[in-house]
Structure formats: C-alpha cells, structure tokens
Amino acid sequence: MMNIFSVLYCEIRKVCRSKVFWLVFLVFALAPIMMGIGTISSSGPNESSWQMYLSQLLNSLSGLGLIGYTFSAAWVFGREYTDNTIQDLLVKPVSRGNIVMSKMLVILTWDILLSIYMFAIALSIGGFMGLTGWSSALIMNIFIRFFITSLLFIIVSTPGAFLANVSKGYLAPIGLILIIVIFSSVLASMGFASYFPWTIPSVFLGSGFLSFSSILILISTGIAGIAGTFVWWRFAEQQ
C-alpha cells in the first residue's frame, strides 16, 4: 500500500500541473497591483506611505482570503468528481486517510504560499512606486498580522472541502462563499462578527486580538470541516 509520502507526491504533481493552480496565483497578484494603481491615483507616489498601502493590503485579505482559500480547498477535492477520477482513486491500494491527509497538506501549503506570494508582490509594487515611510518594524508587524489572519481564513476554509465531497464538485462551495459574504456583512453590522466563524479572522485583523469564545468557534469550525471530510472518505464507497 502506498505510504503518505507517495500519495502526497502524486497530489502535488496533480495540483501543480493544473492551470487553475497558476490562475489562482495570478488572481492573488492582481490585488496588490490594483491597490498600487489606486494608491497612486488617489494621492500620488510621493504622498503615499507604506503604512497606507499595506493597511489597504490587510483590508483586501478579508474578501480575497475567504474566497481564495475556500476555493482552493473545494477545488482540490471537487476536481476528483468533476474530472471523473474519484472511482479510480477509490480502487487504488491507498489508505483513504492518507488520501485526505495528503490533500489537506497540499491545500495548506498552497494557501500559505499564496499568502507569502501576495505579500511579496505587495512589497515589490510598493518599492517600485517609491513609497515613503519604510520601516523594518512596520513591515514585520504588518506581515505577522497578515500571515496570522491568512492562517485563520485557512482554518475556516475546511468546510468548503467537506461540502465539495458532499456535493461531488466545487460549485456548491462557491455558492456557500456567496452566502457567507452576505451573512458576514449582516452579522458584522449587528455586532456578531466575533461569533460567526468566517468573520472572526476579520475581527483579529482589525484588533489583533480574539476572545476565547471566538478562538473556540474558529477551532471547532476547522476541526468540523476536517473531521467531516475524513468521515466522508472513510465511507466513500457507500456515498
């Protein structure tokens, strides 16, 4: 039976060979580029600062992170159904747990790379524009908050993977994202952002702090998505 490393290697090859993988990187690069253009248009390159520019980058993560990370989680699992490769995968001498674990590791690595890549593009664009107020402490502080917020969005993206398996594709998770965006706006306006899993990362983004209840909700959501996916694959032949 194939071990976890062999399965992981196969999953990495499948994802990296897909056009979707590189297209998502392109989308994540567009955000800092468009922000750079907007910054110059609104205040001019000599009047713009790193603080202003990177603060806008943080704000853009709320929408892009929710959509991008949920999509990547849903696509890695959902493509097996849309490409009609799920049955071939199920009959291979491979542990179902290893399959799910390898896919989860690929999703995590992909999302972390997207986060670092987006921040690196932002720094390159900011340097090209000649922004003022560079400070190593400022850059590090914003990067840490940016990276932690990214991890929080990655945690709450796991239900997208579970829904992709239940719905046998990745269209349903995309619909879920649209519903979440609507609920996020409504609940945030009502003061419940700290209790809705998909707005909790934005709460941390704004305050740099999370209450115990928010952390518990966040972790529970992530575990539920992962556990549900493992259980689904455990009984995949009966689905």
Foldseek 3Di string as FASTA:
>chain_A
DDDLVVLLVVLLVVLVPDPVLVVLLVVLLVQLVVLLVVQCVPQRLARAAPVVSLLSVLVVCLLSLLQSLLLLLLASQLVCLVVVVVVVVLPDPDDLVSNLVSSLVSSVVSLLCSLVSSLVSNVVSNVVSVHDDDDPVVSVVSSVLSNVLSVLSNLLSLLSNLVSLVVSHNPVSNVVSVVCVVVCVVCVVVVNLLQDSSSVSVVCSVVVDHDPNSVVNSNVSSVVSSVSNSVCSVCVVVD
